Amino acid sequence: MSVPDGVIARPIGVAMALSFSNLFLLLGFGGLEDLLAALPSVLKFFSGFQTAANLPLLFFIGLRRPSRLR
């Protein structure tokens, strides 16, 4: 069974990989540039928003972590 061009065989897995890549972009998990180039502009916007929003959220999670260890 062959997949036509432009059709993603496992969209949930690709979405999870893109989300993980956006979340941990500072740790070097970037590498999905070819996928980002193929996305529509609305999905590129949401991907960029997720990348920008995750930095403060991870910071606040890191602030909360030491108080949990007491």
Protein backbone atom coordinates (compact mmCIF):
# COMPACT_ATOMS: atom_id res chain seq x y z
CA MET A 1 0.00 0.00 0.00
CA SER A 2 1.61 3.24 -1.07
CA VAL A 3 0.81 6.64 0.35
CA PRO A 4 0.30 9.53 -2.09
CA ASP A 5 2.53 12.59 -1.82
CA GLY A 6 1.31 15.13 0.70
CA VAL A 7 -0.54 12.55 2.83
CA ILE A 8 0.86 11.80 6.26
CA ALA A 9 0.59 8.11 7.05
CA ARG A 10 0.37 8.55 10.85
CA PRO A 11 -0.92 12.06 11.60
CA ILE A 12 -1.23 11.56 15.37
CA GLY A 13 2.39 10.42 15.66
CA VAL A 14 3.61 13.32 13.54
CA ALA A 15 1.55 15.78 15.60
CA MET A 16 3.00 14.39 18.82
CA ALA A 17 6.55 14.58 17.42
CA LEU A 18 6.02 18.18 16.31
CA SER A 19 4.58 19.10 19.70
CA PHE A 20 7.52 17.46 21.51
CA SER A 21 9.93 19.20 19.17
CA ASN A 22 8.29 22.57 19.87
CA LEU A 23 8.25 21.96 23.60
CA PHE A 24 11.92 21.05 23.92
CA LEU A 25 13.31 23.23 21.12
CA LEU A 26 16.05 24.62 23.38
CA LEU A 27 17.34 21.11 24.08
CA GLY A 28 18.09 20.49 20.40
CA PHE A 29 15.04 18.49 19.37
CA GLY A 30 14.46 20.62 16.33
CA GLY A 31 14.91 18.74 13.00
CA LEU A 32 11.39 18.85 11.65
CA GLU A 33 11.97 21.79 9.31
CA ASP A 34 10.79 19.84 6.27
CA LEU A 35 7.53 19.07 8.04
CA LEU A 36 7.09 22.69 9.06
CA ALA A 37 7.65 23.83 5.48
CA ALA A 38 4.80 21.59 4.30
CA LEU A 39 2.29 22.82 6.91
CA PRO A 40 -0.42 25.35 6.07
CA SER A 41 0.13 28.84 7.45
CA VAL A 42 -2.51 28.45 10.17
CA LEU A 43 -0.74 25.39 11.56
CA LYS A 44 2.60 27.18 11.33
CA PHE A 45 1.09 29.98 13.44
CA PHE A 46 -0.14 27.55 16.10
CA SER A 47 3.19 25.77 16.09
CA GLY A 48 5.00 29.06 16.64
CA PHE A 49 2.54 30.03 19.37
CA GLN A 50 3.14 26.71 21.11
CA THR A 51 6.91 27.28 20.95
CA ALA A 52 6.58 30.80 22.40
CA ALA A 53 4.11 29.77 25.10
CA ASN A 54 6.08 26.78 26.33
CA LEU A 55 9.08 28.79 27.56
CA PRO A 56 7.24 30.64 30.37
CA LEU A 57 5.24 27.52 31.24
CA LEU A 58 8.37 25.39 31.60
CA PHE A 59 9.92 28.17 33.67
CA PHE A 60 6.96 28.22 36.07
CA ILE A 61 7.02 24.42 36.33
CA GLY A 62 10.71 24.67 37.20
CA LEU A 63 9.97 27.24 39.89
CA ARG A 64 7.35 24.98 41.44
CA ARG A 65 9.58 21.91 41.46
CA PRO A 66 11.88 22.78 44.44
CA SER A 67 8.92 23.47 46.71
CA ARG A 68 7.54 20.00 45.93
CA LEU A 69 10.80 18.37 47.04
CA ARG A 70 10.62 19.74 50.60
